[in-house]
């Protein structure tokens, strides 16, 4: 329902986290079950039948990557944050199958840069490999600014919105690297990031963000 709601307001990019449990790939953010289910334990320690019985606060089950791709199709680009994988080859095979089946456009990201590089290496022999972009997530402001992303050879530097600076954005753009910032839920921060010239934001409130951008654009400001 959250993804469908985002599509309905015109969102063109949807981000979510992917975790593997016993060969199945689930769309799930948290490492533990406490916040959403009031259960002790890690998500990846459950078996598949236990996960299938879990109901989110809206009484929906935890979706799989396949269900997500079927929902999104060509309506938006999927930014898949790879949070936990055991079998990288199996993930690549599943993703390639789903890309072919639903024609979904994909960005792959992770805070684990070694994992992201392993996935990229295995994806090189895939259909339409060059259509996939890669985003290296960080939660700090590096001393060498966006050089980390340049060294990794990724197209996107994904950075904590409260850490990013104008100098970081300008440096990234000089290296032909886009800057995406997470997580933006207030107007002050959104306005600052657009002033810096960031290329995309993550938000929990897409309808609100689109309204703010529309209002800003109507006032004569240039938005990215």
N, C-alpha and C. Protein backbone atom coordinates (compact mmCIF):
# COMPACT_ATOMS: atom_id res chain seq x y z
N UNK A 1 0.80 -1.23 0.00
CA UNK A 1 0.00 0.00 0.00
C UNK A 1 0.84 1.28 0.00
N UNK A 2 1.95 1.29 0.72
CA UNK A 2 2.80 2.48 0.75
C UNK A 2 3.38 2.76 -0.63
N UNK A 3 3.83 1.72 -1.31
CA UNK A 3 4.40 1.90 -2.64
C UNK A 3 3.32 2.35 -3.63
N UNK A 4 2.16 1.75 -3.54
CA UNK A 4 1.05 2.13 -4.43
C UNK A 4 0.65 3.58 -4.18
N UNK A 5 0.63 4.00 -2.92
CA UNK A 5 0.30 5.39 -2.58
C UNK A 5 1.33 6.34 -3.16
N UNK A 6 2.61 5.97 -3.08
CA UNK A 6 3.66 6.82 -3.64
C UNK A 6 3.51 6.94 -5.15
N UNK A 7 3.17 5.85 -5.81
CA UNK A 7 2.95 5.90 -7.25
C UNK A 7 1.77 6.80 -7.60
N UNK A 8 0.74 6.74 -6.78
CA UNK A 8 -0.48 7.50 -7.07
C UNK A 8 -0.27 9.02 -7.01
N UNK A 9 0.73 9.47 -6.25
CA UNK A 9 0.97 10.91 -6.17
C UNK A 9 2.03 11.35 -7.18
N UNK A 10 2.54 10.41 -7.97
CA UNK A 10 3.46 10.78 -9.04
C UNK A 10 4.92 10.57 -8.74
N UNK A 11 5.24 9.80 -7.71
CA UNK A 11 6.64 9.51 -7.39
C UNK A 11 7.28 8.72 -8.52
N UNK A 12 8.48 9.13 -8.92
CA UNK A 12 9.18 8.46 -10.02
C UNK A 12 10.32 7.57 -9.56
N UNK A 13 10.60 7.58 -8.24
CA UNK A 13 11.69 6.78 -7.70
C UNK A 13 11.29 6.27 -6.33
N UNK A 14 11.42 4.98 -6.11
CA UNK A 14 11.02 4.38 -4.84
C UNK A 14 12.20 3.61 -4.25
N UNK A 15 12.50 3.88 -2.99
CA UNK A 15 13.63 3.22 -2.31
C UNK A 15 13.11 2.28 -1.24
N UNK A 16 13.76 1.12 -1.14
CA UNK A 16 13.43 0.17 -0.09
C UNK A 16 14.63 -0.73 0.16
N UNK A 17 14.58 -1.46 1.27
CA UNK A 17 15.69 -2.33 1.66
C UNK A 17 15.39 -3.79 1.34
N UNK A 18 16.44 -4.52 0.98
CA UNK A 18 16.31 -5.93 0.63
C UNK A 18 17.14 -6.77 1.59
N UNK A 19 16.50 -7.81 2.16
CA UNK A 19 17.19 -8.75 3.03
C UNK A 19 16.86 -10.18 2.60
N UNK A 20 17.87 -11.02 2.60
CA UNK A 20 17.68 -12.42 2.20
C UNK A 20 17.51 -13.31 3.42
N UNK A 21 16.51 -14.19 3.34
CA UNK A 21 16.31 -15.22 4.35
C UNK A 21 16.06 -16.53 3.63
N UNK A 22 16.98 -17.47 3.76
CA UNK A 22 16.83 -18.81 3.19
C UNK A 22 16.44 -18.78 1.72
N UNK A 23 17.13 -17.95 0.95
CA UNK A 23 16.92 -17.93 -0.49
C UNK A 23 15.77 -17.06 -0.97
N UNK A 24 15.00 -16.47 -0.07
CA UNK A 24 13.94 -15.54 -0.45
C UNK A 24 14.40 -14.13 -0.14
N UNK A 25 13.98 -13.19 -0.97
CA UNK A 25 14.41 -11.80 -0.83
C UNK A 25 13.22 -10.95 -0.43
N UNK A 26 13.32 -10.38 0.77
CA UNK A 26 12.21 -9.64 1.35
C UNK A 26 12.48 -8.14 1.35
N UNK A 27 11.41 -7.37 1.27
CA UNK A 27 11.48 -5.91 1.40
C UNK A 27 11.24 -5.59 2.87
N UNK A 28 12.34 -5.32 3.58
CA UNK A 28 12.22 -5.09 5.02
C UNK A 28 13.38 -4.23 5.47
N UNK A 29 13.09 -3.18 6.24
CA UNK A 29 14.11 -2.20 6.63
C UNK A 29 14.87 -2.58 7.89
N UNK A 30 14.16 -2.90 8.95
CA UNK A 30 14.79 -3.06 10.27
C UNK A 30 15.63 -4.33 10.35
N UNK A 31 16.66 -4.27 11.20
CA UNK A 31 17.44 -5.48 11.47
C UNK A 31 16.70 -6.40 12.43
N UNK A 32 15.90 -5.82 13.33
CA UNK A 32 15.20 -6.61 14.34
C UNK A 32 13.68 -6.50 14.15
N UNK A 33 12.97 -7.31 14.93
CA UNK A 33 11.50 -7.36 14.82
C UNK A 33 10.80 -6.51 15.88
N UNK A 34 11.55 -5.91 16.76
CA UNK A 34 10.94 -5.26 17.93
C UNK A 34 10.04 -4.09 17.57
N UNK A 35 10.49 -3.18 16.71
CA UNK A 35 9.73 -1.96 16.45
C UNK A 35 8.39 -2.23 15.80
N UNK A 36 8.36 -3.12 14.83
CA UNK A 36 7.14 -3.34 14.06
C UNK A 36 6.26 -4.47 14.60
N UNK A 37 6.88 -5.44 15.28
CA UNK A 37 6.10 -6.61 15.69
C UNK A 37 6.16 -6.88 17.19
N UNK A 38 6.96 -6.08 17.94
CA UNK A 38 7.11 -6.27 19.38
C UNK A 38 7.56 -7.70 19.69
N UNK A 39 8.50 -8.18 18.88
CA UNK A 39 9.05 -9.52 19.05
C UNK A 39 10.56 -9.40 19.14
N UNK A 40 11.18 -10.13 20.06
CA UNK A 40 12.63 -10.13 20.15
C UNK A 40 13.22 -10.97 19.02
N UNK A 41 14.38 -10.57 18.55
CA UNK A 41 15.05 -11.36 17.52
C UNK A 41 15.32 -10.56 16.26
N UNK A 42 16.28 -11.06 15.48
CA UNK A 42 16.64 -10.44 14.22
C UNK A 42 15.78 -10.97 13.09
N UNK A 43 15.51 -10.13 12.12
CA UNK A 43 14.68 -10.53 10.98
C UNK A 43 15.29 -11.72 10.24
N UNK A 44 16.59 -11.68 10.03
CA UNK A 44 17.24 -12.72 9.24
C UNK A 44 17.42 -14.04 10.00
N UNK A 45 17.08 -14.05 11.29
CA UNK A 45 17.13 -15.29 12.05
C UNK A 45 15.85 -16.09 11.96
N UNK A 46 14.82 -15.52 11.34
CA UNK A 46 13.54 -16.21 11.21
C UNK A 46 13.59 -17.16 10.01
N UNK A 47 12.69 -18.13 10.01
CA UNK A 47 12.56 -18.95 8.80
C UNK A 47 11.44 -18.38 7.94
N UNK A 48 11.33 -18.87 6.72
CA UNK A 48 10.38 -18.29 5.78
C UNK A 48 8.93 -18.42 6.23
N UNK A 49 8.59 -19.54 6.83
CA UNK A 49 7.21 -19.72 7.27
C UNK A 49 6.86 -18.76 8.40
N UNK A 50 7.84 -18.45 9.26
CA UNK A 50 7.60 -17.48 10.33
C UNK A 50 7.41 -16.08 9.76
N UNK A 51 8.21 -15.74 8.78
CA UNK A 51 8.07 -14.42 8.17
C UNK A 51 6.73 -14.28 7.47
N UNK A 52 6.28 -15.31 6.81
CA UNK A 52 5.00 -15.25 6.10
C UNK A 52 3.83 -15.02 7.06
N UNK A 53 4.00 -15.37 8.32
CA UNK A 53 2.93 -15.18 9.31
C UNK A 53 2.96 -13.78 9.92
N UNK A 54 4.05 -13.08 9.75
CA UNK A 54 4.16 -11.73 10.32
C UNK A 54 3.24 -10.76 9.60
N UNK A 55 2.55 -9.93 10.36
CA UNK A 55 1.71 -8.90 9.77
C UNK A 55 2.20 -7.54 10.23
N UNK A 56 2.41 -6.64 9.28
CA UNK A 56 2.84 -5.29 9.58
C UNK A 56 1.70 -4.52 10.26
N UNK A 57 1.96 -3.35 10.81
CA UNK A 57 0.90 -2.59 11.51
C UNK A 57 -0.35 -2.33 10.68
N UNK A 58 -0.23 -2.35 9.34
CA UNK A 58 -1.42 -2.17 8.50
C UNK A 58 -2.05 -3.51 8.10
N UNK A 59 -1.64 -4.57 8.81
CA UNK A 59 -2.15 -5.94 8.58
C UNK A 59 -1.74 -6.51 7.24
N UNK A 60 -0.71 -5.96 6.64
CA UNK A 60 -0.16 -6.51 5.40
C UNK A 60 1.04 -7.40 5.73
N UNK A 61 1.26 -8.44 4.94
CA UNK A 61 2.45 -9.27 5.15
C UNK A 61 3.71 -8.57 4.66
N UNK A 62 4.86 -9.08 5.05
CA UNK A 62 6.14 -8.55 4.56
C UNK A 62 6.26 -8.91 3.09
N UNK A 63 6.40 -7.94 2.20
CA UNK A 63 6.44 -8.24 0.77
C UNK A 63 7.78 -8.81 0.34
N UNK A 64 7.75 -9.55 -0.76
CA UNK A 64 8.97 -10.07 -1.36
C UNK A 64 9.42 -9.13 -2.48
N UNK A 65 10.65 -9.32 -2.90
CA UNK A 65 11.17 -8.54 -4.02
C UNK A 65 10.33 -8.78 -5.27
N UNK A 66 9.90 -10.02 -5.48
CA UNK A 66 9.08 -10.32 -6.65
C UNK A 66 7.76 -9.57 -6.62
N UNK A 67 7.11 -9.52 -5.46
CA UNK A 67 5.85 -8.81 -5.33
C UNK A 67 6.05 -7.31 -5.55
N UNK A 68 7.17 -6.79 -5.06
CA UNK A 68 7.48 -5.38 -5.25
C UNK A 68 7.63 -5.06 -6.74
N UNK A 69 8.42 -5.87 -7.45
CA UNK A 69 8.64 -5.62 -8.88
C UNK A 69 7.35 -5.71 -9.67
N UNK A 70 6.49 -6.64 -9.29
CA UNK A 70 5.19 -6.76 -9.96
C UNK A 70 4.35 -5.51 -9.73
N UNK A 71 4.42 -4.95 -8.52
CA UNK A 71 3.66 -3.75 -8.17
C UNK A 71 4.18 -2.53 -8.93
N UNK A 72 5.50 -2.40 -9.02
CA UNK A 72 6.09 -1.18 -9.58
C UNK A 72 6.16 -1.24 -11.10
N UNK A 73 6.65 -2.35 -11.64
CA UNK A 73 6.79 -2.47 -13.09
C UNK A 73 7.57 -1.32 -13.68
N UNK A 74 6.98 -0.67 -14.67
CA UNK A 74 7.64 0.46 -15.34
C UNK A 74 7.17 1.82 -14.80
N UNK A 75 6.40 1.81 -13.72
CA UNK A 75 5.82 3.06 -13.21
C UNK A 75 6.84 3.95 -12.50
N UNK A 76 7.91 3.36 -11.99
CA UNK A 76 8.93 4.13 -11.28
C UNK A 76 10.23 3.35 -11.28
N UNK A 77 11.32 4.03 -11.00
CA UNK A 77 12.60 3.37 -10.83
C UNK A 77 12.69 2.85 -9.40
N UNK A 78 13.23 1.65 -9.24
CA UNK A 78 13.39 1.05 -7.93
C UNK A 78 14.83 1.22 -7.45
N UNK A 79 14.99 1.87 -6.32
CA UNK A 79 16.30 1.94 -5.67
C UNK A 79 16.31 0.87 -4.58
N UNK A 80 17.02 -0.22 -4.82
CA UNK A 80 17.07 -1.33 -3.89
C UNK A 80 18.31 -1.21 -3.02
N UNK A 81 18.10 -0.89 -1.73
CA UNK A 81 19.23 -0.89 -0.81
C UNK A 81 19.48 -2.32 -0.35
N UNK A 82 20.64 -2.83 -0.66
CA UNK A 82 20.99 -4.20 -0.30
C UNK A 82 21.50 -4.20 1.13
N UNK A 83 20.69 -4.74 2.03
CA UNK A 83 21.03 -4.70 3.45
C UNK A 83 21.64 -6.00 3.92
N UNK A 84 21.12 -7.14 3.46
CA UNK A 84 21.65 -8.44 3.92
C UNK A 84 21.48 -9.47 2.81
N UNK A 85 22.62 -10.01 2.34
CA UNK A 85 22.60 -11.08 1.36
C UNK A 85 23.49 -12.22 1.83
N UNK A 86 23.05 -13.43 1.57
CA UNK A 86 23.87 -14.61 1.83
C UNK A 86 24.42 -15.16 0.52
N UNK A 87 23.55 -15.31 -0.45
CA UNK A 87 23.92 -15.85 -1.75
C UNK A 87 23.78 -14.75 -2.81
N UNK A 88 24.90 -14.11 -3.10
CA UNK A 88 24.86 -12.98 -4.03
C UNK A 88 24.48 -13.44 -5.43
N UNK A 89 24.97 -14.60 -5.82
CA UNK A 89 24.64 -15.12 -7.16
C UNK A 89 23.14 -15.37 -7.30
N UNK A 90 22.51 -15.88 -6.24
CA UNK A 90 21.07 -16.12 -6.28
C UNK A 90 20.31 -14.81 -6.38
N UNK A 91 20.78 -13.79 -5.68
CA UNK A 91 20.13 -12.48 -5.76
C UNK A 91 20.22 -11.92 -7.17
N UNK A 92 21.41 -11.99 -7.77
CA UNK A 92 21.60 -11.48 -9.13
C UNK A 92 20.69 -12.22 -10.11
N UNK A 93 20.61 -13.54 -9.95
CA UNK A 93 19.75 -14.33 -10.84
C UNK A 93 18.29 -13.94 -10.67
N UNK A 94 17.84 -13.78 -9.44
CA UNK A 94 16.45 -13.39 -9.18
C UNK A 94 16.15 -12.00 -9.72
N UNK A 95 17.07 -11.08 -9.50
CA UNK A 95 16.87 -9.71 -9.97
C UNK A 95 16.81 -9.67 -11.50
N UNK A 96 17.70 -10.40 -12.15
CA UNK A 96 17.68 -10.42 -13.61
C UNK A 96 16.38 -11.02 -14.15
N UNK A 97 15.88 -12.05 -13.48
CA UNK A 97 14.61 -12.65 -13.89
C UNK A 97 13.47 -11.65 -13.75
N UNK A 98 13.45 -10.92 -12.65
CA UNK A 98 12.38 -9.96 -12.40
C UNK A 98 12.49 -8.75 -13.32
N UNK A 99 13.71 -8.32 -13.63
CA UNK A 99 13.89 -7.21 -14.56
C UNK A 99 13.35 -7.58 -15.94
N UNK A 100 13.60 -8.81 -16.35
CA UNK A 100 13.11 -9.27 -17.65
C UNK A 100 11.58 -9.42 -17.64
N UNK A 101 11.05 -9.89 -16.53
CA UNK A 101 9.61 -10.17 -16.45
C UNK A 101 8.78 -8.90 -16.35
N UNK A 102 9.25 -7.91 -15.57
CA UNK A 102 8.45 -6.72 -15.29
C UNK A 102 9.03 -5.44 -15.88
N UNK A 103 10.16 -5.54 -16.58
CA UNK A 103 10.81 -4.38 -17.22
C UNK A 103 11.09 -3.27 -16.22
N UNK A 104 11.42 -3.66 -14.99
CA UNK A 104 11.65 -2.67 -13.95
C UNK A 104 13.04 -2.07 -14.10
N UNK A 105 13.12 -0.75 -13.89
CA UNK A 105 14.39 -0.03 -13.92
C UNK A 105 14.96 0.02 -12.51
N UNK A 106 16.26 -0.30 -12.35
CA UNK A 106 16.81 -0.54 -11.02
C UNK A 106 18.06 0.30 -10.75
N UNK A 107 18.13 0.82 -9.51
CA UNK A 107 19.34 1.37 -8.93
C UNK A 107 19.69 0.48 -7.74
N UNK A 108 20.94 0.07 -7.62
CA UNK A 108 21.37 -0.76 -6.51
C UNK A 108 22.26 0.06 -5.58
N UNK A 109 21.97 0.00 -4.28
CA UNK A 109 22.73 0.79 -3.31
C UNK A 109 23.02 -0.03 -2.08
N UNK A 110 24.01 0.42 -1.29
CA UNK A 110 24.31 -0.26 -0.03
C UNK A 110 25.27 0.59 0.80
N UNK A 111 25.17 0.44 2.13
CA UNK A 111 26.18 0.99 3.01
C UNK A 111 27.41 0.09 3.02
N UNK A 112 27.23 -1.18 2.66
CA UNK A 112 28.36 -2.11 2.56
C UNK A 112 28.95 -1.99 1.16
N UNK A 113 30.00 -1.22 1.04
CA UNK A 113 30.59 -1.00 -0.28
C UNK A 113 31.23 -2.26 -0.85
N UNK A 114 31.87 -3.13 -0.04
CA UNK A 114 32.36 -4.41 -0.59
C UNK A 114 31.24 -5.27 -1.16
N UNK A 115 30.10 -5.31 -0.46
CA UNK A 115 28.96 -6.07 -0.96
C UNK A 115 28.44 -5.49 -2.26
N UNK A 116 28.35 -4.16 -2.32
CA UNK A 116 27.86 -3.51 -3.54
C UNK A 116 28.78 -3.82 -4.72
N UNK A 117 30.08 -3.81 -4.50
CA UNK A 117 31.03 -4.10 -5.57
C UNK A 117 30.94 -5.55 -6.03
N UNK A 118 30.69 -6.48 -5.10
CA UNK A 118 30.52 -7.88 -5.47
C UNK A 118 29.28 -8.07 -6.33
N UNK A 119 28.20 -7.38 -5.94
CA UNK A 119 26.98 -7.47 -6.73
C UNK A 119 27.21 -6.91 -8.13
N UNK A 120 27.88 -5.77 -8.21
CA UNK A 120 28.14 -5.16 -9.51
C UNK A 120 28.99 -6.07 -10.40
N UNK A 121 29.98 -6.71 -9.81
CA UNK A 121 30.83 -7.63 -10.58
C UNK A 121 30.01 -8.76 -11.19
N UNK A 122 29.11 -9.34 -10.39
CA UNK A 122 28.29 -10.44 -10.90
C UNK A 122 27.23 -9.96 -11.89
N UNK A 123 26.82 -8.70 -11.78
CA UNK A 123 25.81 -8.17 -12.69
C UNK A 123 26.39 -7.87 -14.07
N UNK A 124 27.69 -7.86 -14.22
CA UNK A 124 28.30 -7.42 -15.47
C UNK A 124 27.91 -8.28 -16.66
N UNK A 125 27.60 -9.53 -16.42
CA UNK A 125 27.20 -10.38 -17.53
C UNK A 125 25.70 -10.40 -17.76
N UNK A 126 24.98 -9.51 -17.07
CA UNK A 126 23.52 -9.52 -17.12
C UNK A 126 22.98 -8.78 -18.33
N UNK A 127 21.73 -9.07 -18.64
CA UNK A 127 21.01 -8.37 -19.69
C UNK A 127 20.89 -6.89 -19.31
N UNK A 128 21.18 -6.01 -20.27
CA UNK A 128 21.07 -4.57 -20.05
C UNK A 128 21.84 -4.12 -18.82
N UNK A 129 23.04 -4.66 -18.65
CA UNK A 129 23.86 -4.33 -17.49
C UNK A 129 24.07 -2.82 -17.36
N UNK A 130 24.28 -2.15 -18.46
CA UNK A 130 24.59 -0.72 -18.41
C UNK A 130 23.39 0.15 -18.03
N UNK A 131 22.19 -0.45 -17.96
CA UNK A 131 21.01 0.31 -17.54
C UNK A 131 20.93 0.44 -16.02
N UNK A 132 21.75 -0.33 -15.30
CA UNK A 132 21.71 -0.30 -13.84
C UNK A 132 22.71 0.71 -13.31
N UNK A 133 22.26 1.55 -12.36
CA UNK A 133 23.14 2.49 -11.69
C UNK A 133 23.41 2.02 -10.26
N UNK A 134 24.53 2.48 -9.71
CA UNK A 134 24.94 2.05 -8.38
C UNK A 134 25.15 3.27 -7.49
N UNK A 135 24.68 3.15 -6.24
CA UNK A 135 24.78 4.24 -5.27
C UNK A 135 25.48 3.73 -4.02
N UNK A 136 26.55 4.42 -3.63
CA UNK A 136 27.29 4.07 -2.42
C UNK A 136 26.82 4.96 -1.27
N UNK A 137 26.16 4.35 -0.31
CA UNK A 137 25.60 5.08 0.83
C UNK A 137 26.67 5.36 1.88
N UNK A 138 26.62 6.57 2.46
CA UNK A 138 27.45 6.91 3.61
C UNK A 138 26.62 7.73 4.58
N UNK A 139 27.06 7.73 5.85
CA UNK A 139 26.35 8.47 6.88
C UNK A 139 27.24 9.55 7.49
N UNK A 140 28.28 9.95 6.75
CA UNK A 140 29.21 10.96 7.26
C UNK A 140 29.66 11.84 6.10
N UNK A 141 30.43 12.86 6.43
CA UNK A 141 31.00 13.74 5.42
C UNK A 141 32.49 13.42 5.30
N UNK A 142 32.91 12.78 4.21
CA UNK A 142 34.31 12.38 4.08
C UNK A 142 35.24 13.58 3.94
N UNK A 143 36.47 13.42 4.41
CA UNK A 143 37.45 14.49 4.28
C UNK A 143 37.76 14.77 2.81
N UNK A 144 37.69 13.72 1.98
CA UNK A 144 37.96 13.89 0.55
C UNK A 144 36.66 14.04 -0.26
N UNK A 145 35.59 14.43 0.46
CA UNK A 145 34.29 14.71 -0.17
C UNK A 145 33.82 13.53 -1.01
N UNK A 146 33.53 13.73 -2.29
CA UNK A 146 32.92 12.67 -3.10
C UNK A 146 33.93 11.74 -3.76
N UNK A 147 35.19 11.86 -3.38
CA UNK A 147 36.22 11.03 -4.01
C UNK A 147 35.97 9.55 -3.76
N UNK A 148 35.37 9.22 -2.61
CA UNK A 148 35.08 7.81 -2.31
C UNK A 148 34.20 7.19 -3.40
N UNK A 149 33.19 7.92 -3.85
CA UNK A 149 32.28 7.41 -4.88
C UNK A 149 33.00 7.28 -6.22
N UNK A 150 33.86 8.24 -6.51
CA UNK A 150 34.65 8.20 -7.75
C UNK A 150 35.56 6.98 -7.77
N UNK A 151 36.21 6.69 -6.65
CA UNK A 151 37.11 5.54 -6.57
C UNK A 151 36.35 4.23 -6.72
N UNK A 152 35.14 4.19 -6.21
CA UNK A 152 34.31 2.98 -6.34
C UNK A 152 33.75 2.82 -7.74
N UNK A 153 33.71 3.90 -8.49
CA UNK A 153 33.17 3.85 -9.85
C UNK A 153 31.66 3.82 -9.90
N UNK A 154 31.01 4.38 -8.86
CA UNK A 154 29.55 4.41 -8.84
C UNK A 154 29.04 5.73 -9.41
N UNK A 155 27.78 5.72 -9.81
CA UNK A 155 27.19 6.91 -10.42
C UNK A 155 26.57 7.86 -9.41
N UNK A 156 26.32 7.35 -8.18
CA UNK A 156 25.57 8.12 -7.19
C UNK A 156 26.25 8.07 -5.83
N UNK A 157 26.43 9.23 -5.22
CA UNK A 157 26.84 9.31 -3.82
C UNK A 157 25.59 9.59 -3.00
N UNK A 158 25.19 8.64 -2.19
CA UNK A 158 23.98 8.78 -1.37
C UNK A 158 24.40 9.10 0.06
N UNK A 159 23.99 10.27 0.55
CA UNK A 159 24.57 10.84 1.76
C UNK A 159 23.48 11.28 2.74
N UNK A 160 23.77 11.18 4.03
CA UNK A 160 22.88 11.72 5.06
C UNK A 160 22.61 13.19 4.76
N UNK A 161 21.34 13.56 4.68
CA UNK A 161 20.95 14.92 4.29
C UNK A 161 21.47 15.97 5.25
N UNK A 162 21.65 15.62 6.52
CA UNK A 162 22.11 16.59 7.50
C UNK A 162 23.63 16.77 7.46
N UNK A 163 24.34 15.87 6.76
CA UNK A 163 25.79 15.95 6.68
C UNK A 163 26.28 16.62 5.41
N UNK A 164 25.49 16.57 4.35
CA UNK A 164 25.97 17.04 3.05
C UNK A 164 26.19 18.55 3.07
N UNK A 165 27.16 19.00 2.28
CA UNK A 165 27.46 20.42 2.15
C UNK A 165 27.44 20.82 0.69
N UNK A 166 27.41 22.12 0.46
CA UNK A 166 27.46 22.61 -0.91
C UNK A 166 28.77 22.17 -1.59
N UNK A 167 29.87 22.19 -0.83
CA UNK A 167 31.16 21.79 -1.38
C UNK A 167 31.14 20.33 -1.82
N UNK A 168 30.45 19.48 -1.03
CA UNK A 168 30.35 18.07 -1.40
C UNK A 168 29.59 17.92 -2.72
N UNK A 169 28.47 18.62 -2.85
CA UNK A 169 27.66 18.52 -4.06
C UNK A 169 28.44 19.02 -5.27
N UNK A 170 29.11 20.14 -5.12
CA UNK A 170 29.88 20.69 -6.24
C UNK A 170 31.02 19.76 -6.64
N UNK A 171 31.69 19.16 -5.64
CA UNK A 171 32.78 18.23 -5.93
C UNK A 171 32.25 16.99 -6.65
N UNK A 172 31.13 16.45 -6.16
CA UNK A 172 30.54 15.27 -6.80
C UNK A 172 30.18 15.57 -8.25
N UNK A 173 29.55 16.71 -8.48
CA UNK A 173 29.15 17.06 -9.84
C UNK A 173 30.36 17.28 -10.75
N UNK A 174 31.46 17.76 -10.19
CA UNK A 174 32.67 17.92 -11.00
C UNK A 174 33.22 16.58 -11.44
N UNK A 175 32.87 15.53 -10.69
CA UNK A 175 33.29 14.17 -11.02
C UNK A 175 32.20 13.40 -11.77
N UNK A 176 31.14 14.12 -12.18
CA UNK A 176 30.00 13.52 -12.91
C UNK A 176 29.29 12.48 -12.05
N UNK A 177 29.17 12.75 -10.76
CA UNK A 177 28.48 11.87 -9.82
C UNK A 177 27.27 12.61 -9.26
N UNK A 178 26.11 11.96 -9.28
CA UNK A 178 24.91 12.54 -8.70
C UNK A 178 24.95 12.45 -7.17
N UNK A 179 24.22 13.34 -6.51
CA UNK A 179 24.11 13.32 -5.06
C UNK A 179 22.66 13.12 -4.67
N UNK A 180 22.42 12.04 -3.93
CA UNK A 180 21.09 11.75 -3.39
C UNK A 180 21.19 11.84 -1.87
N UNK A 181 20.18 12.45 -1.23
CA UNK A 181 20.25 12.71 0.21
C UNK A 181 19.06 12.10 0.95
N UNK A 182 19.35 11.46 2.06
CA UNK A 182 18.33 10.85 2.91
C UNK A 182 18.41 11.43 4.32
N UNK A 183 17.37 11.45 5.10
CA UNK A 183 15.95 11.32 4.78
C UNK A 183 15.35 12.69 5.06
N UNK A 184 14.60 13.24 4.12
CA UNK A 184 14.18 14.64 4.15
C UNK A 184 12.68 14.73 4.39
N UNK A 185 12.31 15.23 5.58
CA UNK A 185 10.89 15.31 5.92
C UNK A 185 10.47 16.69 6.41
N UNK A 186 11.33 17.70 6.26
CA UNK A 186 10.92 19.05 6.63
C UNK A 186 11.36 20.03 5.55
N UNK A 187 10.60 21.13 5.46
CA UNK A 187 10.75 22.06 4.35
C UNK A 187 12.09 22.79 4.39
N UNK A 188 12.56 23.12 5.58
CA UNK A 188 13.85 23.81 5.69
C UNK A 188 14.97 22.99 5.06
N UNK A 189 15.00 21.71 5.39
CA UNK A 189 16.05 20.85 4.86
C UNK A 189 15.89 20.65 3.37
N UNK A 190 14.66 20.45 2.92
CA UNK A 190 14.41 20.27 1.49
C UNK A 190 14.85 21.50 0.70
N UNK A 191 14.52 22.69 1.20
CA UNK A 191 14.90 23.92 0.51
C UNK A 191 16.42 24.08 0.46
N UNK A 192 17.09 23.74 1.55
CA UNK A 192 18.54 23.85 1.60
C UNK A 192 19.19 22.92 0.57
N UNK A 193 18.70 21.70 0.47
CA UNK A 193 19.29 20.73 -0.44
C UNK A 193 19.06 21.14 -1.90
N UNK A 194 17.91 21.69 -2.20
CA UNK A 194 17.67 22.17 -3.56
C UNK A 194 18.55 23.37 -3.88
N UNK A 195 18.80 24.18 -2.88
CA UNK A 195 19.71 25.30 -3.08
C UNK A 195 21.13 24.80 -3.35
N UNK A 196 21.51 23.71 -2.70
CA UNK A 196 22.82 23.11 -2.93
C UNK A 196 22.91 22.47 -4.32
N UNK A 197 21.74 22.09 -4.88
CA UNK A 197 21.74 21.46 -6.20
C UNK A 197 21.79 19.95 -6.17
N UNK A 198 21.30 19.33 -5.07
CA UNK A 198 21.29 17.86 -5.04
C UNK A 198 20.36 17.33 -6.13
N UNK A 199 20.60 16.09 -6.52
CA UNK A 199 19.88 15.52 -7.65
C UNK A 199 18.63 14.76 -7.27
N UNK A 200 18.56 14.27 -6.03
CA UNK A 200 17.37 13.54 -5.58
C UNK A 200 17.37 13.50 -4.06
N UNK A 201 16.18 13.33 -3.48
CA UNK A 201 16.06 13.17 -2.04
C UNK A 201 15.26 11.91 -1.73
N UNK A 202 15.50 11.37 -0.55
CA UNK A 202 14.67 10.33 0.02
C UNK A 202 13.72 11.01 1.01
N UNK A 203 12.46 10.63 0.99
CA UNK A 203 11.51 11.19 1.95
C UNK A 203 10.46 10.14 2.31
N UNK A 204 9.94 10.26 3.53
CA UNK A 204 8.82 9.41 3.95
C UNK A 204 7.49 9.99 3.50
N UNK A 205 7.53 11.24 2.95
CA UNK A 205 6.30 11.95 2.61
C UNK A 205 6.37 12.47 1.18
N UNK A 206 6.24 11.58 0.19
CA UNK A 206 6.40 12.00 -1.20
C UNK A 206 5.38 13.03 -1.66
N UNK A 207 4.14 12.90 -1.22
CA UNK A 207 3.12 13.88 -1.64
C UNK A 207 3.48 15.26 -1.12
N UNK A 208 3.92 15.35 0.13
CA UNK A 208 4.35 16.62 0.71
C UNK A 208 5.53 17.20 -0.06
N UNK A 209 6.53 16.37 -0.36
CA UNK A 209 7.73 16.85 -1.05
C UNK A 209 7.38 17.38 -2.44
N UNK A 210 6.51 16.68 -3.15
CA UNK A 210 6.10 17.13 -4.48
C UNK A 210 5.35 18.45 -4.41
N UNK A 211 4.53 18.62 -3.37
CA UNK A 211 3.81 19.89 -3.18
C UNK A 211 4.79 21.04 -2.93
N UNK A 212 5.80 20.79 -2.09
CA UNK A 212 6.79 21.82 -1.79
C UNK A 212 7.55 22.20 -3.05
N UNK A 213 7.93 21.19 -3.84
CA UNK A 213 8.68 21.47 -5.06
C UNK A 213 7.83 22.25 -6.05
N UNK A 214 6.55 21.88 -6.15
CA UNK A 214 5.66 22.57 -7.07
C UNK A 214 5.49 24.03 -6.65
N UNK A 215 5.33 24.26 -5.35
CA UNK A 215 5.18 25.63 -4.84
C UNK A 215 6.45 26.43 -5.06
N UNK A 216 7.60 25.81 -4.84
CA UNK A 216 8.87 26.50 -5.03
C UNK A 216 9.06 26.86 -6.50
N UNK A 217 8.72 25.93 -7.38
CA UNK A 217 8.88 26.15 -8.81
C UNK A 217 7.94 27.26 -9.28
N UNK A 218 6.74 27.30 -8.71
CA UNK A 218 5.76 28.33 -9.08
C UNK A 218 6.24 29.72 -8.67
N UNK A 219 7.06 29.75 -7.62
CA UNK A 219 7.57 31.03 -7.14
C UNK A 219 8.75 31.54 -7.96
N UNK A 220 9.17 30.71 -8.93
CA UNK A 220 10.21 31.17 -9.85
C UNK A 220 11.57 30.58 -9.60
N UNK A 221 11.69 29.72 -8.58
CA UNK A 221 12.99 29.11 -8.30
C UNK A 221 13.24 27.95 -9.25
N UNK A 222 14.49 27.68 -9.50
CA UNK A 222 14.86 26.56 -10.37
C UNK A 222 15.03 25.32 -9.48
N UNK A 223 14.35 24.24 -9.82
CA UNK A 223 14.49 23.00 -9.05
C UNK A 223 15.08 21.93 -9.95
N UNK A 224 15.76 20.96 -9.32
CA UNK A 224 16.41 19.90 -10.05
C UNK A 224 15.50 18.69 -10.11
